[in-house]
Amino acid sequence: MKLFIDFLPILLFFIAYKFAGIYWATAVAIGATAIQVAWLWARHRRVEKMPLATLGLLVVFGGLTIALHDPIFVMWKPTLVNWLFAAVFIGSHWIGERTLIERMMGQAIELPKPIWTRLNAFWSGFFVFLGLANLFVVYVGSGFYEAHQALLAATGETGVDLSACATLYTGSVLDLCTQAQARESTWVDFKLFGMMGLTIAFVIAQSLYLSRHIKEDPETQALETD
């Protein structure tokens, strides 16, 4: 249930985008994340700092996207959230007696201190990588930024609703709008499937790494021997 609740705003963003474009999708994501935080408060009578920080970033950058009709702001949000996660993991090396990953998983498994430190560094690096991967897709991989700037230059406008290309433009400008919309859609697909795939691959790699260091319980070993 927790995994579903955490994943729900991203899923709703993706669905809303396919039906109504990025501006409605951004509004839906803001509303879903606010409801998510409210649900956590109602259930636990407290909300951890990271969900609140995520909501704050989404409200600010999503709000700028809606107000200025510029998708680039909401496209930066995943990078900033991942880099915020990275900063928290990195900071836990020096704050407190245990790293963040040990505080999260220490009750479930026992590992030597150096392994916890290494694992925490892996998560820090992974979140930095995810943030960079998102920016790569926005500015290079999808070609969105270049296509969007070309469209703005051709129209002389500061903001465009790419979901309404066919009703707004004709001829070569319509072609530019269609290209920008296709590249925007590439980023939206990456936000859902690409980031999820990378995270699943990292978690599997982490599990394989941990399996080399987890010591089997002596009683379990004795039962297997018998």
Protein backbone atom coordinates (compact mmCIF):
# COMPACT_ATOMS: atom_id res chain seq x y z
CA MET A 1 0.00 0.00 0.00
CA LYS A 2 2.82 2.43 0.86
CA LEU A 3 4.51 1.73 -2.47
CA PHE A 4 1.24 2.36 -4.29
CA ILE A 5 0.64 5.63 -2.41
CA ASP A 6 4.19 6.81 -3.19
CA PHE A 7 3.82 5.91 -6.86
CA LEU A 8 0.28 7.27 -7.35
CA PRO A 9 1.10 10.96 -8.15
CA ILE A 10 3.51 9.90 -10.91
CA LEU A 11 0.96 7.49 -12.37
CA LEU A 12 -1.81 10.10 -12.28
CA PHE A 13 0.53 12.65 -13.90
CA PHE A 14 1.19 10.20 -16.73
CA ILE A 15 -2.51 9.41 -17.26
CA ALA A 16 -3.57 13.07 -17.14
CA TYR A 17 -0.82 13.98 -19.60
CA LYS A 18 -2.03 11.44 -22.16
CA PHE A 19 -5.55 12.89 -22.00
CA ALA A 20 -5.06 16.63 -21.40
CA GLY A 21 -1.42 17.68 -21.77
CA ILE A 22 1.31 18.69 -19.38
CA TYR A 23 -0.42 21.64 -17.69
CA TRP A 24 -3.42 19.63 -16.52
CA ALA A 25 -1.08 16.76 -15.66
CA THR A 26 0.99 19.09 -13.49
CA ALA A 27 -2.12 20.34 -11.68
CA VAL A 28 -3.22 16.73 -11.10
CA ALA A 29 0.23 15.83 -9.73
CA ILE A 30 0.15 18.78 -7.32
CA GLY A 31 -3.31 17.80 -6.08
CA ALA A 32 -2.41 14.11 -5.78
CA THR A 33 0.78 14.87 -3.85
CA ALA A 34 -1.11 17.20 -1.49
CA ILE A 35 -3.67 14.45 -0.88
CA GLN A 36 -0.82 11.99 -0.32
CA VAL A 37 0.70 14.23 2.37
CA ALA A 38 -2.74 14.76 3.96
CA TRP A 39 -3.30 10.98 4.02
CA LEU A 40 0.04 10.43 5.75
CA TRP A 41 -0.88 13.04 8.35
CA ALA A 42 -4.32 11.54 8.95
CA ARG A 43 -2.85 8.05 9.28
CA HIS A 44 0.25 8.77 11.38
CA ARG A 45 -0.36 12.27 12.78
CA ARG A 46 3.00 13.27 11.38
CA VAL A 47 4.62 13.71 7.99
CA GLU A 48 8.30 13.15 7.31
CA LYS A 49 10.32 16.00 5.84
CA MET A 50 10.97 14.43 2.44
CA PRO A 51 7.29 14.18 1.35
CA LEU A 52 6.81 17.78 2.45
CA ALA A 53 9.91 18.88 0.55
CA THR A 54 8.72 17.00 -2.54
CA LEU A 55 5.33 18.70 -2.31
CA GLY A 56 6.99 22.09 -1.87
CA LEU A 57 9.18 21.64 -4.95
CA LEU A 58 6.21 20.44 -6.98
CA VAL A 59 4.05 23.38 -5.93
CA VAL A 60 6.80 25.89 -6.78
CA PHE A 61 8.06 24.42 -10.06
CA GLY A 62 4.72 22.97 -11.12
CA GLY A 63 3.08 26.29 -10.34
CA LEU A 64 5.65 28.09 -12.51
CA THR A 65 4.98 25.65 -15.35
CA ILE A 66 1.24 26.34 -15.19
CA ALA A 67 1.55 30.09 -14.68
CA LEU A 68 4.17 30.68 -17.40
CA HIS A 69 3.07 27.89 -19.75
CA ASP A 70 6.63 26.55 -19.75
CA PRO A 71 7.12 22.78 -19.18
CA ILE A 72 10.80 23.19 -18.39
CA PHE A 73 10.08 24.06 -14.75
CA VAL A 74 8.21 20.87 -13.95
CA MET A 75 10.81 18.92 -15.93
CA TRP A 76 13.47 20.12 -13.48
CA LYS A 77 11.47 18.91 -10.49
CA PRO A 78 12.56 15.20 -10.63
CA THR A 79 16.19 16.29 -10.78
CA LEU A 80 15.85 18.58 -7.76
CA VAL A 81 13.99 15.92 -5.76
CA ASN A 82 16.62 13.27 -6.53
CA TRP A 83 19.44 15.64 -5.68
CA LEU A 84 17.67 16.49 -2.43
CA PHE A 85 17.56 12.76 -1.62
CA ALA A 86 21.26 12.53 -2.49
CA ALA A 87 22.08 15.45 -0.18
CA VAL A 88 20.22 13.79 2.70
CA PHE A 89 22.03 10.48 2.19
CA ILE A 90 25.40 12.24 1.90
CA GLY A 91 24.69 14.36 4.98
CA SER A 92 23.92 11.25 7.03
CA HIS A 93 27.61 10.27 6.75
CA TRP A 94 28.41 13.08 9.19
CA ILE A 95 25.16 13.57 11.11
CA GLY A 96 24.32 10.95 13.72
CA GLU A 97 25.98 7.65 14.51
CA ARG A 98 24.44 5.73 11.61
CA THR A 99 24.02 6.47 7.93
CA LEU A 100 20.51 6.93 6.59
CA ILE A 101 20.43 3.58 4.81
CA GLU A 102 21.38 1.81 8.06
CA ARG A 103 18.61 3.62 9.92
CA MET A 104 16.15 2.51 7.25
CA MET A 105 17.27 -1.12 6.91
CA GLY A 106 19.22 -1.84 10.08
CA GLN A 107 16.28 -3.52 11.83
CA ALA A 108 15.87 -6.00 8.98
CA ILE A 109 19.46 -7.07 8.30
CA GLU A 110 22.85 -6.97 10.03
CA LEU A 111 25.86 -5.72 8.10
CA PRO A 112 29.37 -4.57 9.02
CA LYS A 113 29.77 -0.81 9.40
CA PRO A 114 31.91 -0.39 6.25
CA ILE A 115 29.21 -2.12 4.17
CA TRP A 116 26.53 0.25 5.46
CA THR A 117 28.78 3.20 4.60
CA ARG A 118 29.41 1.85 1.12
CA LEU A 119 25.73 1.13 0.57
CA ASN A 120 24.80 4.65 1.64
CA ALA A 121 27.35 6.01 -0.84
CA PHE A 122 25.82 3.85 -3.59
CA TRP A 123 22.36 5.35 -2.93
CA SER A 124 23.82 8.86 -2.85
CA GLY A 125 25.48 8.31 -6.21
CA PHE A 126 22.37 6.72 -7.68
CA PHE A 127 20.20 9.74 -6.82
CA VAL A 128 22.81 12.09 -8.31
CA PHE A 129 22.83 9.92 -11.43
CA LEU A 130 19.01 9.94 -11.69
CA GLY A 131 18.99 13.73 -11.52
CA LEU A 132 21.59 13.97 -14.26
CA ALA A 133 19.80 11.36 -16.39
CA ASN A 134 16.61 13.41 -16.20
CA LEU A 135 18.40 16.55 -17.38
CA PHE A 136 20.07 14.59 -20.18
CA VAL A 137 16.67 13.44 -21.44
CA VAL A 138 15.21 16.96 -21.22
CA TYR A 139 18.05 18.77 -22.98
CA VAL A 140 19.70 16.12 -25.15
CA GLY A 141 18.11 12.68 -25.29
CA SER A 142 14.56 13.71 -26.17
CA GLY A 143 15.48 16.85 -28.09
CA PHE A 144 12.66 18.65 -26.25
CA TYR A 145 14.48 21.81 -25.27
CA GLU A 146 15.75 22.54 -28.77
CA ALA A 147 12.37 21.76 -30.38
CA HIS A 148 10.51 23.87 -27.83
CA GLN A 149 12.81 26.84 -28.31
CA ALA A 150 12.43 26.58 -32.09
CA LEU A 151 8.65 26.65 -31.71
CA LEU A 152 8.73 29.69 -29.42
CA ALA A 153 11.01 31.50 -31.85
CA ALA A 154 8.67 30.74 -34.75
CA THR A 155 5.52 31.86 -32.92
CA GLY A 156 6.99 34.77 -30.96
CA GLU A 157 5.14 33.49 -27.89
CA THR A 158 6.55 32.87 -24.43
CA GLY A 159 4.38 29.83 -23.71
CA VAL A 160 2.57 27.23 -25.80
CA ASP A 161 0.07 24.49 -25.03
CA LEU A 162 1.60 21.59 -26.94
CA SER A 163 -1.51 19.46 -26.46
CA ALA A 164 -3.44 21.88 -28.74
CA CYS A 165 -1.07 22.06 -31.72
CA ALA A 166 -3.70 21.14 -34.30
CA THR A 167 -6.09 23.85 -33.14
CA LEU A 168 -3.48 26.58 -32.77
CA TYR A 169 -1.22 26.32 -35.79
CA THR A 170 -0.96 25.32 -39.42
CA GLY A 171 1.81 24.62 -41.91
CA SER A 172 5.43 24.67 -40.79
CA VAL A 173 4.57 26.01 -37.33
CA LEU A 174 2.23 23.05 -36.81
CA ASP A 175 5.11 20.75 -37.73
CA LEU A 176 7.34 22.45 -35.15
CA CYS A 177 4.61 22.17 -32.51
CA THR A 178 4.03 18.50 -33.29
CA GLN A 179 7.75 17.79 -33.02
CA ALA A 180 7.98 19.58 -29.67
CA GLN A 181 4.95 17.67 -28.37
CA ALA A 182 6.46 14.34 -29.41
CA ARG A 183 9.70 15.16 -27.61
CA GLU A 184 7.79 16.30 -24.54
CA SER A 185 5.98 12.95 -24.57
CA THR A 186 9.36 11.19 -24.67
CA TRP A 187 10.31 12.91 -21.41
CA VAL A 188 6.97 11.99 -19.79
CA ASP A 189 7.52 8.33 -20.76
CA PHE A 190 11.02 8.48 -19.30
CA LYS A 191 9.71 10.03 -16.08
CA LEU A 192 7.43 7.02 -15.54
CA PHE A 193 9.08 4.04 -17.21
CA GLY A 194 12.71 5.10 -17.48
CA MET A 195 13.18 6.23 -13.90
CA MET A 196 11.18 3.27 -12.61
CA GLY A 197 13.28 0.85 -14.67
CA LEU A 198 16.53 2.38 -13.49
CA THR A 199 15.37 2.22 -9.88
CA ILE A 200 14.30 -1.43 -10.16
CA ALA A 201 17.64 -2.32 -11.79
CA PHE A 202 19.52 -0.53 -9.01
CA VAL A 203 17.51 -2.27 -6.27
CA ILE A 204 18.20 -5.67 -7.88
CA ALA A 205 21.91 -4.86 -8.09
CA GLN A 206 21.83 -3.77 -4.44
CA SER A 207 20.14 -7.05 -3.46
CA LEU A 208 22.83 -9.06 -5.26
CA TYR A 209 25.51 -7.02 -3.52
CA LEU A 210 23.89 -7.50 -0.11
CA SER A 211 23.53 -11.25 -0.63
CA ARG A 212 27.33 -11.52 -0.54
CA HIS A 213 27.53 -9.89 2.89
CA ILE A 214 24.43 -11.08 4.80
CA LYS A 215 25.34 -13.75 7.30
CA GLU A 216 22.92 -16.62 7.56
CA ASP A 217 21.40 -17.27 10.99
CA PRO A 218 23.22 -20.16 12.81
CA GLU A 219 19.91 -21.87 13.66
CA THR A 220 18.90 -21.81 10.00
CA GLN A 221 22.26 -23.29 9.02
CA ALA A 222 21.81 -26.06 11.60
CA LEU A 223 18.33 -26.91 10.27
CA GLU A 224 19.65 -27.05 6.71
CA THR A 225 22.48 -29.35 7.86
CA ASP A 226 20.03 -31.67 9.62
